Amino acid sequence: MRFLILALGILPAIAQSANVVLSNDDGWAEINIRAFYNGLTRAGDSVVLSAPAENESGTGSSDSPALPLTKPCEFNSCPTGSPAEGSDASNPRLNYVNSYPVTSMRYGIQTLSPKFFGGNPDLAVAANLGSTTLISGTVGAATEAAKEGIPAIAFSGSTGSQISYTTSPVPSYVTTYSALSTNVTQTLLASSKPYLPSNIWLNVNYPSSTSSSCSKPSDFKFVLSRINAASSGASADVTTCGKTRLPTESTVVGTKGGCYASISVGNAATKGDTTAANQAVVLQKLKAILSCLPA
């Protein structure tokens, strides 16, 4: 979706082509993951999709060996009896794994990346329709990548239902979320390596996007946030927007009078918030696209 990102006016000028593994928990044939695949590819990245054969939303960090298909893949995208792992007949970079998001991400990193990239990916990204962090399969996939030493981002949107990539016309929220996610990815890739500190992942959440509200990428602003509310006596967050406490994701996404998307910095081991020092690294890398909530 390069033309949509250019319309934002903030496409990183020095973003380099990167090797990216893409997964989700809604399944390999769901429309959002295919739109994101196209957006990253058009932005110049080398992308391999490795996602569940079926909808595995809400499975968190569940993990089990992939098994042959006893029924068709979602939306009849592969037939009964297909092998445990497989790919699209016309594009070997589009792969399913008949198991959970964590298993799919690991397969992408350990099996597909050496095949297509000659080694580990530069970045792992996962996208889905909204879910709670601790039970989100997309978050499970992203944190699995971070635990394996791969910088990772999880993206979640509030609008839409699970539909096939063959759906036409493509709903407007799909292209909007894809363009926004591609922009965040390219902004991070425009920074120097390491893209993220060790065992750190980013959690990005979008508010509702409809034909009449938050309908295009240029309507949105990104805000650095926390995954959870800080407990009493918790250490300060990074200083930004004149404050030492970041707003929570729910506060950002729920802010009225604008289209605010949250970007949180998470600890892969706990799926919770990390230190101010790690937040500061991300603040510096993404400062070109970050804004503040209205006073």
C-alpha atoms as a PDB file:
ATOM      1  CA  MET A   1       0.000   0.000   0.000  1.00  0.00           C
ATOM      2  CA  ARG A   2       2.876   2.384  -0.729  1.00  0.00           C
ATOM      3  CA  PHE A   3       0.648   5.109  -2.170  1.00  0.00           C
ATOM      4  CA  LEU A   4      -1.439   5.204   1.011  1.00  0.00           C
ATOM      5  CA  ILE A   5       1.619   5.554   3.209  1.00  0.00           C
ATOM      6  CA  LEU A   6       2.995   8.324   1.024  1.00  0.00           C
ATOM      7  CA  ALA A   7      -0.262  10.144   1.554  1.00  0.00           C
ATOM      8  CA  LEU A   8       0.562  10.323   5.253  1.00  0.00           C
ATOM      9  CA  GLY A   9       3.566  12.466   4.446  1.00  0.00           C
ATOM     10  CA  ILE A  10       5.736  10.592   6.938  1.00  0.00           C
ATOM     11  CA  LEU A  11       7.145   7.646   5.030  1.00  0.00           C
ATOM     12  CA  PRO A  12      10.728   7.203   6.312  1.00  0.00           C
ATOM     13  CA  ALA A  13      13.179   8.448   3.702  1.00  0.00           C
ATOM     14  CA  ILE A  14      15.921   5.985   4.591  1.00  0.00           C
ATOM     15  CA  ALA A  15      13.955   2.805   5.308  1.00  0.00           C
ATOM     16  CA  GLN A  16      15.900  -0.159   3.982  1.00  0.00           C
ATOM     17  CA  SER A  17      14.557  -3.344   2.474  1.00  0.00           C
ATOM     18  CA  ALA A  18      14.224  -5.912   5.242  1.00  0.00           C
ATOM     19  CA  ASN A  19      13.467  -9.611   5.633  1.00  0.00           C
ATOM     20  CA  VAL A  20      10.164  -9.920   7.489  1.00  0.00           C
ATOM     21  CA  VAL A  21       8.171 -12.868   8.843  1.00  0.00           C
ATOM     22  CA  LEU A  22       4.433 -12.142   9.048  1.00  0.00           C
ATOM     23  CA  SER A  23       1.872 -14.042  11.119  1.00  0.00           C
ATOM     24  CA  ASN A  24      -1.491 -13.591  12.858  1.00  0.00           C
ATOM     25  CA  ASP A  25      -4.114 -15.510  14.820  1.00  0.00           C
ATOM     26  CA  ASP A  26      -7.042 -15.051  12.417  1.00  0.00           C
ATOM     27  CA  GLY A  27      -5.583 -17.448   9.859  1.00  0.00           C
ATOM     28  CA  TRP A  28      -3.456 -17.373   6.725  1.00  0.00           C
ATOM     29  CA  ALA A  29      -6.346 -16.684   4.342  1.00  0.00           C
ATOM     30  CA  GLU A  30      -7.883 -13.786   6.299  1.00  0.00           C
ATOM     31  CA  ILE A  31      -8.058 -10.480   4.434  1.00  0.00           C
ATOM     32  CA  ASN A  32      -6.048  -8.313   6.845  1.00  0.00           C
ATOM     33  CA  ILE A  33      -2.897 -10.440   6.801  1.00  0.00           C
ATOM     34  CA  ARG A  34      -2.923 -10.618   2.998  1.00  0.00           C
ATOM     35  CA  ALA A  35      -3.373  -6.825   2.738  1.00  0.00           C
ATOM     36  CA  PHE A  36      -0.481  -6.310   5.172  1.00  0.00           C
ATOM     37  CA  TYR A  37       1.650  -8.758   3.166  1.00  0.00           C
ATOM     38  CA  ASN A  38       0.968  -6.702   0.040  1.00  0.00           C
ATOM     39  CA  GLY A  39       1.682  -3.431   1.841  1.00  0.00           C
ATOM     40  CA  LEU A  40       5.052  -4.569   3.170  1.00  0.00           C
ATOM     41  CA  THR A  41       6.003  -6.073  -0.182  1.00  0.00           C
ATOM     42  CA  ARG A  42       5.143  -2.851  -2.022  1.00  0.00           C
ATOM     43  CA  ALA A  43       7.217  -0.947   0.517  1.00  0.00           C
ATOM     44  CA  GLY A  44      10.224  -2.984  -0.649  1.00  0.00           C
ATOM     45  CA  ASP A  45      10.478  -5.627   2.077  1.00  0.00           C
ATOM     46  CA  SER A  46      11.055  -9.331   1.464  1.00  0.00           C
ATOM     47  CA  VAL A  47       8.161 -10.983   3.291  1.00  0.00           C
ATOM     48  CA  VAL A  48       7.260 -14.549   4.207  1.00  0.00           C
ATOM     49  CA  LEU A  49       3.801 -15.254   5.619  1.00  0.00           C
ATOM     50  CA  SER A  50       3.564 -18.088   8.153  1.00  0.00           C
ATOM     51  CA  ALA A  51       0.166 -18.230   9.845  1.00  0.00           C
ATOM     52  CA  PRO A  52      -2.363 -20.748  11.179  1.00  0.00           C
ATOM     53  CA  ALA A  53      -4.448 -22.775   8.733  1.00  0.00           C
ATOM     54  CA  GLU A  54      -7.534 -21.938  10.809  1.00  0.00           C
ATOM     55  CA  ASN A  55      -8.773 -19.076  12.960  1.00  0.00           C
ATOM     56  CA  GLU A  56      -6.827 -19.407  16.227  1.00  0.00           C
ATOM     57  CA  SER A  57      -7.911 -16.172  17.891  1.00  0.00           C
ATOM     58  CA  GLY A  58      -7.693 -16.109  21.678  1.00  0.00           C
ATOM     59  CA  THR A  59      -5.182 -18.959  21.945  1.00  0.00           C
ATOM     60  CA  GLY A  60      -2.448 -16.869  23.569  1.00  0.00           C
ATOM     61  CA  SER A  61       0.888 -18.676  23.685  1.00  0.00           C
ATOM     62  CA  SER A  62      -0.521 -22.155  23.085  1.00  0.00           C
ATOM     63  CA  ASP A  63       1.856 -24.355  21.119  1.00  0.00           C
ATOM     64  CA  SER A  64       1.670 -27.867  19.652  1.00  0.00           C
ATOM     65  CA  PRO A  65       3.114 -29.795  16.694  1.00  0.00           C
ATOM     66  CA  ALA A  66       1.319 -29.148  13.414  1.00  0.00           C
ATOM     67  CA  LEU A  67      -0.808 -32.019  12.108  1.00  0.00           C
ATOM     68  CA  PRO A  68      -2.238 -32.904   8.672  1.00  0.00           C
ATOM     69  CA  LEU A  69      -5.595 -31.297   7.891  1.00  0.00           C
ATOM     70  CA  THR A  70      -8.685 -33.347   8.783  1.00  0.00           C
ATOM     71  CA  LYS A  71     -10.894 -30.639   7.269  1.00  0.00           C
ATOM     72  CA  PRO A  72     -10.272 -27.811   4.785  1.00  0.00           C
ATOM     73  CA  CYS A  73      -8.250 -24.753   5.769  1.00  0.00           C
ATOM     74  CA  GLU A  74     -10.322 -21.657   6.550  1.00  0.00           C
ATOM     75  CA  PHE A  75     -12.375 -20.356   3.613  1.00  0.00           C
ATOM     76  CA  ASN A  76     -11.544 -23.620   1.803  1.00  0.00           C
ATOM     77  CA  SER A  77      -8.059 -22.274   1.129  1.00  0.00           C
ATOM     78  CA  CYS A  78      -6.579 -25.784   1.254  1.00  0.00           C
ATOM     79  CA  PRO A  79      -8.347 -29.166   0.991  1.00  0.00           C
ATOM     80  CA  THR A  80      -8.921 -31.869   3.573  1.00  0.00           C
ATOM     81  CA  GLY A  81      -5.871 -34.118   3.793  1.00  0.00           C
ATOM     82  CA  SER A  82      -3.390 -31.322   3.133  1.00  0.00           C
ATOM     83  CA  PRO A  83      -0.031 -31.650   4.934  1.00  0.00           C
ATOM     84  CA  ALA A  84       0.615 -30.078   8.330  1.00  0.00           C
ATOM     85  CA  GLU A  85       2.463 -27.198   6.669  1.00  0.00           C
ATOM     86  CA  GLY A  86       1.891 -25.977   3.153  1.00  0.00           C
ATOM     87  CA  SER A  87       1.946 -23.001   0.834  1.00  0.00           C
ATOM     88  CA  ASP A  88      -0.116 -21.295  -1.828  1.00  0.00           C
ATOM     89  CA  ALA A  89       0.325 -23.001  -5.200  1.00  0.00           C
ATOM     90  CA  SER A  90       1.057 -19.690  -6.934  1.00  0.00           C
ATOM     91  CA  ASN A  91       3.186 -18.059  -4.221  1.00  0.00           C
ATOM     92  CA  PRO A  92       5.458 -20.180  -1.975  1.00  0.00           C
ATOM     93  CA  ARG A  93       5.915 -17.208   0.369  1.00  0.00           C
ATOM     94  CA  LEU A  94       2.309 -17.598   1.568  1.00  0.00           C
ATOM     95  CA  ASN A  95       2.384 -20.434   4.096  1.00  0.00           C
ATOM     96  CA  TYR A  96      -0.032 -22.090   6.506  1.00  0.00           C
ATOM     97  CA  VAL A  97       0.756 -24.133   9.598  1.00  0.00           C
ATOM     98  CA  ASN A  98      -1.990 -26.333  11.036  1.00  0.00           C
ATOM     99  CA  SER A  99      -1.402 -25.275  14.617  1.00  0.00           C
ATOM    100  CA  TYR A 100      -1.303 -22.182  16.822  1.00  0.00           C
ATOM    101  CA  PRO A 101       0.119 -18.694  16.111  1.00  0.00           C
ATOM    102  CA  VAL A 102       3.191 -19.368  18.276  1.00  0.00           C
ATOM    103  CA  THR A 103       3.889 -22.575  16.345  1.00  0.00           C
ATOM    104  CA  SER A 104       3.353 -20.736  13.058  1.00  0.00           C
ATOM    105  CA  MET A 105       5.735 -17.929  13.988  1.00  0.00           C
ATOM    106  CA  ARG A 106       8.411 -20.385  15.070  1.00  0.00           C
ATOM    107  CA  TYR A 107       8.036 -22.264  11.774  1.00  0.00           C
ATOM    108  CA  GLY A 108       8.435 -18.980   9.929  1.00  0.00           C
ATOM    109  CA  ILE A 109      11.595 -18.074  11.834  1.00  0.00           C
ATOM    110  CA  GLN A 110      13.275 -21.474  12.048  1.00  0.00           C
ATOM    111  CA  THR A 111      12.228 -23.138   8.775  1.00  0.00           C
ATOM    112  CA  LEU A 112      11.028 -20.575   6.232  1.00  0.00           C
ATOM    113  CA  SER A 113      13.501 -17.773   7.004  1.00  0.00           C
ATOM    114  CA  PRO A 114      16.602 -19.868   6.277  1.00  0.00           C
ATOM    115  CA  LYS A 115      14.932 -21.035   3.062  1.00  0.00           C
ATOM    116  CA  PHE A 116      13.978 -17.610   1.734  1.00  0.00           C
ATOM    117  CA  PHE A 117      16.400 -15.272   3.530  1.00  0.00           C
ATOM    118  CA  GLY A 118      19.431 -17.472   4.150  1.00  0.00           C
ATOM    119  CA  GLY A 119      19.145 -16.832   7.896  1.00  0.00           C
ATOM    120  CA  ASN A 120      17.023 -15.136  10.526  1.00  0.00           C
ATOM    121  CA  PRO A 121      14.538 -12.409   9.604  1.00  0.00           C
ATOM    122  CA  ASP A 122      15.240  -8.790  10.469  1.00  0.00           C
ATOM    123  CA  LEU A 123      11.775  -8.324  11.935  1.00  0.00           C
ATOM    124  CA  ALA A 124       8.664 -10.292  12.840  1.00  0.00           C
ATOM    125  CA  VAL A 125       5.185  -8.754  12.637  1.00  0.00           C
ATOM    126  CA  ALA A 126       1.766 -10.128  13.538  1.00  0.00           C
ATOM    127  CA  ALA A 127      -1.646  -8.618  12.894  1.00  0.00           C
ATOM    128  CA  ASN A 128      -5.218  -9.386  13.922  1.00  0.00           C
ATOM    129  CA  LEU A 129      -8.607  -8.028  14.851  1.00  0.00           C
ATOM    130  CA  GLY A 130      -8.708  -6.747  18.448  1.00  0.00           C
ATOM    131  CA  SER A 131      -8.139  -9.054  21.418  1.00  0.00           C
ATOM    132  CA  THR A 132      -6.985  -8.912  25.035  1.00  0.00           C
ATOM    133  CA  THR A 133      -3.189  -8.929  25.282  1.00  0.00           C
ATOM    134  CA  LEU A 134      -2.728 -11.963  27.518  1.00  0.00           C
ATOM    135  CA  ILE A 135      -4.974 -14.247  25.422  1.00  0.00           C
ATOM    136  CA  SER A 136      -4.206 -12.801  21.998  1.00  0.00           C
ATOM    137  CA  GLY A 137      -2.635 -15.322  19.662  1.00  0.00           C
ATOM    138  CA  THR A 138      -1.126 -12.452  17.699  1.00  0.00           C
ATOM    139  CA  VAL A 139       0.603 -11.186  20.844  1.00  0.00           C
ATOM    140  CA  GLY A 140       1.675 -14.779  21.528  1.00  0.00           C
ATOM    141  CA  ALA A 141       3.289 -14.914  18.080  1.00  0.00           C
ATOM    142  CA  ALA A 142       5.052 -11.569  18.520  1.00  0.00           C
ATOM    143  CA  THR A 143       6.400 -12.404  21.970  1.00  0.00           C
ATOM    144  CA  GLU A 144       7.589 -15.795  20.702  1.00  0.00           C
ATOM    145  CA  ALA A 145       9.626 -14.002  18.037  1.00  0.00           C
ATOM    146  CA  ALA A 146      11.089 -11.615  20.612  1.00  0.00           C
ATOM    147  CA  LYS A 147      12.079 -14.547  22.822  1.00  0.00           C
ATOM    148  CA  GLU A 148      13.912 -16.003  19.818  1.00  0.00           C
ATOM    149  CA  GLY A 149      15.866 -12.775  19.427  1.00  0.00           C
ATOM    150  CA  ILE A 150      13.813 -11.256  16.592  1.00  0.00           C
ATOM    151  CA  PRO A 151      12.425  -7.711  16.999  1.00  0.00           C
ATOM    152  CA  ALA A 152       8.641  -7.976  16.821  1.00  0.00           C
ATOM    153  CA  ILE A 153       5.480  -5.901  16.499  1.00  0.00           C
ATOM    154  CA  ALA A 154       1.870  -6.940  17.140  1.00  0.00           C
ATOM    155  CA  PHE A 155      -0.906  -4.958  15.431  1.00  0.00           C
ATOM    156  CA  SER A 156      -4.595  -5.075  16.403  1.00  0.00           C
ATOM    157  CA  GLY A 157      -7.597  -3.244  14.943  1.00  0.00           C
ATOM    158  CA  SER A 158     -11.008  -2.595  16.481  1.00  0.00           C
ATOM    159  CA  THR A 159     -13.053  -2.809  13.278  1.00  0.00           C
ATOM    160  CA  GLY A 160     -14.029  -5.771  11.160  1.00  0.00           C
ATOM    161  CA  SER A 161     -14.779  -9.467  11.277  1.00  0.00           C
ATOM    162  CA  GLN A 162     -12.845 -12.434   9.989  1.00  0.00           C
ATOM    163  CA  ILE A 163     -13.362 -12.548   6.214  1.00  0.00           C
ATOM    164  CA  SER A 164     -11.533 -14.130   3.294  1.00  0.00           C
ATOM    165  CA  TYR A 165      -8.787 -12.366   1.359  1.00  0.00           C
ATOM    166  CA  THR A 166     -10.900 -12.951  -1.759  1.00  0.00           C
ATOM    167  CA  THR A 167     -13.619 -10.571  -0.485  1.00  0.00           C
ATOM    168  CA  SER A 168     -14.459  -7.826  -2.982  1.00  0.00           C
ATOM    169  CA  PRO A 169     -14.647  -4.929  -2.705  1.00  0.00           C
ATOM    170  CA  VAL A 170     -12.013  -4.706   0.010  1.00  0.00           C
ATOM    171  CA  PRO A 171     -13.441  -2.932   3.084  1.00  0.00           C
ATOM    172  CA  SER A 172     -11.907   0.493   3.698  1.00  0.00           C
ATOM    173  CA  TYR A 173     -10.713  -0.398   7.214  1.00  0.00           C
ATOM    174  CA  VAL A 174      -8.514  -3.145   5.738  1.00  0.00           C
ATOM    175  CA  THR A 175      -6.530  -0.764   3.537  1.00  0.00           C
ATOM    176  CA  THR A 176      -6.389   1.841   6.316  1.00  0.00           C
ATOM    177  CA  TYR A 177      -5.017  -0.556   8.933  1.00  0.00           C
ATOM    178  CA  SER A 178      -2.589  -2.040   6.413  1.00  0.00           C
ATOM    179  CA  ALA A 179      -1.217   1.368   5.475  1.00  0.00           C
ATOM    180  CA  LEU A 180      -0.814   2.412   9.109  1.00  0.00           C
ATOM    181  CA  SER A 181       0.914  -0.857  10.047  1.00  0.00           C
ATOM    182  CA  THR A 182       3.250  -0.620   7.067  1.00  0.00           C
ATOM    183  CA  ASN A 183       4.144   2.913   8.099  1.00  0.00           C
ATOM    184  CA  VAL A 184       5.019   1.888  11.675  1.00  0.00           C
ATOM    185  CA  THR A 185       7.072  -1.015  10.348  1.00  0.00           C
ATOM    186  CA  GLN A 186       8.977   1.119   7.856  1.00  0.00           C
ATOM    187  CA  THR A 187       9.621   3.826  10.454  1.00  0.00           C
ATOM    188  CA  LEU A 188      11.201   1.278  12.786  1.00  0.00           C
ATOM    189  CA  LEU A 189      13.221  -0.227   9.936  1.00  0.00           C
ATOM    190  CA  ALA A 190      14.529   3.236   9.058  1.00  0.00           C
ATOM    191  CA  SER A 191      16.290   3.346  12.440  1.00  0.00           C
ATOM    192  CA  SER A 192      19.614   1.695  13.142  1.00  0.00           C
ATOM    193  CA  LYS A 193      20.036  -1.877  14.356  1.00  0.00           C
ATOM    194  CA  PRO A 194      19.231  -3.291  16.805  1.00  0.00           C
ATOM    195  CA  TYR A 195      15.691  -2.236  15.946  1.00  0.00           C
ATOM    196  CA  LEU A 196      14.487  -3.034  19.467  1.00  0.00           C
ATOM    197  CA  PRO A 197      16.185  -3.951  22.749  1.00  0.00           C
ATOM    198  CA  SER A 198      16.522  -7.641  23.573  1.00  0.00           C
ATOM    199  CA  ASN A 199      13.265  -9.414  24.513  1.00  0.00           C
ATOM    200  CA  ILE A 200      11.187  -6.334  23.702  1.00  0.00           C
ATOM    201  CA  TRP A 201       8.146  -6.139  21.402  1.00  0.00           C
ATOM    202  CA  LEU A 202       5.749  -3.397  20.352  1.00  0.00           C
ATOM    203  CA  ASN A 203       1.985  -3.595  20.769  1.00  0.00           C
ATOM    204  CA  VAL A 204       0.022  -1.358  18.388  1.00  0.00           C
ATOM    205  CA  ASN A 205      -3.738  -0.870  18.709  1.00  0.00           C
ATOM    206  CA  TYR A 206      -6.065   0.995  16.343  1.00  0.00           C
ATOM    207  CA  PRO A 207      -9.459   2.507  17.120  1.00  0.00           C
ATOM    208  CA  SER A 208     -12.512   1.824  15.002  1.00  0.00           C
ATOM    209  CA  SER A 209     -12.259   2.814  11.338  1.00  0.00           C
ATOM    210  CA  THR A 210     -15.450   3.324   9.330  1.00  0.00           C
ATOM    211  CA  SER A 211     -16.457   5.072   6.133  1.00  0.00           C
ATOM    212  CA  SER A 212     -17.445   8.145   8.148  1.00  0.00           C
ATOM    213  CA  SER A 213     -14.958   8.174  11.032  1.00  0.00           C
ATOM    214  CA  CYS A 214     -11.193   7.554  11.016  1.00  0.00           C
ATOM    215  CA  SER A 215     -11.643   6.467   7.416  1.00  0.00           C
ATOM    216  CA  LYS A 216      -8.162   7.129   6.035  1.00  0.00           C
ATOM    217  CA  PRO A 217      -4.565   6.831   7.290  1.00  0.00           C
ATOM    218  CA  SER A 218      -4.016  10.593   7.460  1.00  0.00           C
ATOM    219  CA  ASP A 219      -6.778  10.825  10.104  1.00  0.00           C
ATOM    220  CA  PHE A 220      -4.684   8.887  12.624  1.00  0.00           C
ATOM    221  CA  LYS A 221      -2.056   9.924  15.168  1.00  0.00           C
ATOM    222  CA  PHE A 222       0.213   7.534  17.071  1.00  0.00           C
ATOM    223  CA  VAL A 223       0.750   7.938  20.817  1.00  0.00           C
ATOM    224  CA  LEU A 224       3.329   6.147  22.981  1.00  0.00           C
ATOM    225  CA  SER A 225       1.445   4.223  25.664  1.00  0.00           C
ATOM    226  CA  ARG A 226       1.435   1.581  28.380  1.00  0.00           C
ATOM    227  CA  ILE A 227      -0.151  -1.859  28.052  1.00  0.00           C
ATOM    228  CA  ASN A 228      -1.495  -1.770  31.612  1.00  0.00           C
ATOM    229  CA  ALA A 229      -2.184   0.952  34.158  1.00  0.00           C
ATOM    230  CA  ALA A 230       0.806   1.551  36.431  1.00  0.00           C
ATOM    231  CA  SER A 231       0.503   0.164  39.934  1.00  0.00           C
ATOM    232  CA  SER A 232       0.870   2.401  42.970  1.00  0.00           C
ATOM    233  CA  GLY A 233       4.515   3.260  43.532  1.00  0.00           C
ATOM    234  CA  ALA A 234       5.616   2.018  40.108  1.00  0.00           C
ATOM    235  CA  SER A 235       8.715   3.606  38.591  1.00  0.00           C
ATOM    236  CA  ALA A 236       8.178   6.507  36.225  1.00  0.00           C
ATOM    237  CA  ASP A 237       7.805   5.951  32.519  1.00  0.00           C
ATOM    238  CA  VAL A 238       9.880   7.739  29.886  1.00  0.00           C
ATOM    239  CA  THR A 239       9.285  11.480  29.892  1.00  0.00           C
ATOM    240  CA  THR A 240       7.284  12.601  26.870  1.00  0.00           C
ATOM    241  CA  CYS A 241       4.469  15.048  26.168  1.00  0.00           C
ATOM    242  CA  GLY A 242       5.492  16.824  29.393  1.00  0.00           C
ATOM    243  CA  LYS A 243       4.646  13.814  31.589  1.00  0.00           C
ATOM    244  CA  THR A 244       6.442  10.948  33.311  1.00  0.00           C
ATOM    245  CA  ARG A 245       3.490   8.546  33.057  1.00  0.00           C
ATOM    246  CA  LEU A 246       2.343   7.193  29.704  1.00  0.00           C
ATOM    247  CA  PRO A 247      -1.373   6.810  28.991  1.00  0.00           C
ATOM    248  CA  THR A 248      -2.762   3.292  28.780  1.00  0.00           C
ATOM    249  CA  GLU A 249      -3.685   1.736  25.449  1.00  0.00           C
ATOM    250  CA  SER A 250      -7.377   1.890  26.301  1.00  0.00           C
ATOM    251  CA  THR A 251      -7.082   5.592  27.148  1.00  0.00           C
ATOM    252  CA  VAL A 252      -5.377   6.367  23.844  1.00  0.00           C
ATOM    253  CA  VAL A 253      -7.701   4.351  21.627  1.00  0.00           C
ATOM    254  CA  GLY A 254     -10.758   5.595  23.511  1.00  0.00           C
ATOM    255  CA  THR A 255      -9.881   9.301  23.309  1.00  0.00           C
ATOM    256  CA  LYS A 256     -12.704  11.281  21.707  1.00  0.00           C
ATOM    257  CA  GLY A 257     -12.275  13.992  19.110  1.00  0.00           C
ATOM    258  CA  GLY A 258      -9.581  12.248  17.112  1.00  0.00           C
ATOM    259  CA  CYS A 259      -8.237   8.955  15.781  1.00  0.00           C
ATOM    260  CA  TYR A 260      -5.494   7.917  18.188  1.00  0.00           C
ATOM    261  CA  ALA A 261      -3.553   4.670  17.872  1.00  0.00           C
ATOM    262  CA  SER A 262      -1.459   3.386  20.764  1.00  0.00           C
ATOM    263  CA  ILE A 263       2.093   2.036  20.608  1.00  0.00           C
ATOM    264  CA  SER A 264       3.233   0.246  23.768  1.00  0.00           C
ATOM    265  CA  VAL A 265       6.635  -1.210  24.594  1.00  0.00           C
ATOM    266  CA  GLY A 266       6.320  -4.687  26.083  1.00  0.00           C
ATOM    267  CA  ASN A 267       8.376  -7.300  27.888  1.00  0.00           C
ATOM    268  CA  ALA A 268       8.208 -10.581  25.959  1.00  0.00           C
ATOM    269  CA  ALA A 269       8.451 -12.737  29.079  1.00  0.00           C
ATOM    270  CA  THR A 270       5.511 -11.125  30.886  1.00  0.00           C
ATOM    271  CA  LYS A 271       3.543  -9.569  27.977  1.00  0.00           C
ATOM    272  CA  GLY A 272       3.406  -6.521  30.233  1.00  0.00           C
ATOM    273  CA  ASP A 273       5.148  -3.162  30.302  1.00  0.00           C
ATOM    274  CA  THR A 274       8.900  -2.673  30.314  1.00  0.00           C
ATOM    275  CA  THR A 275      11.295  -0.090  31.733  1.00  0.00           C
ATOM    276  CA  ALA A 276      11.523   3.619  31.010  1.00  0.00           C
ATOM    277  CA  ALA A 277      14.921   2.986  29.427  1.00  0.00           C
ATOM    278  CA  ASN A 278      13.413   0.631  26.844  1.00  0.00           C
ATOM    279  CA  GLN A 279      10.519   3.025  26.264  1.00  0.00           C
ATOM    280  CA  ALA A 280      13.071   5.768  25.613  1.00  0.00           C
ATOM    281  CA  VAL A 281      14.730   3.689  22.895  1.00  0.00           C
ATOM    282  CA  VAL A 282      11.404   3.289  21.098  1.00  0.00           C
ATOM    283  CA  LEU A 283      10.507   6.948  21.593  1.00  0.00           C
ATOM    284  CA  GLN A 284      13.696   7.932  19.810  1.00  0.00           C
ATOM    285  CA  LYS A 285      13.202   5.453  16.963  1.00  0.00           C
ATOM    286  CA  LEU A 286       9.554   6.334  16.310  1.00  0.00           C
ATOM    287  CA  LYS A 287       9.590  10.041  17.178  1.00  0.00           C
ATOM    288  CA  ALA A 288       8.830  11.014  13.569  1.00  0.00           C
ATOM    289  CA  ILE A 289       5.338   9.543  13.825  1.00  0.00           C
ATOM    290  CA  LEU A 290       4.509  10.037  17.515  1.00  0.00           C
ATOM    291  CA  SER A 291       2.087  12.643  18.833  1.00  0.00           C
ATOM    292  CA  CYS A 292       0.529  13.620  22.174  1.00  0.00           C
ATOM    293  CA  LEU A 293      -3.044  13.261  23.344  1.00  0.00           C
ATOM    294  CA  PRO A 294      -4.970  16.551  23.582  1.00  0.00           C
ATOM    295  CA  ALA A 295      -4.678  18.286  26.955  1.00  0.00           C
END
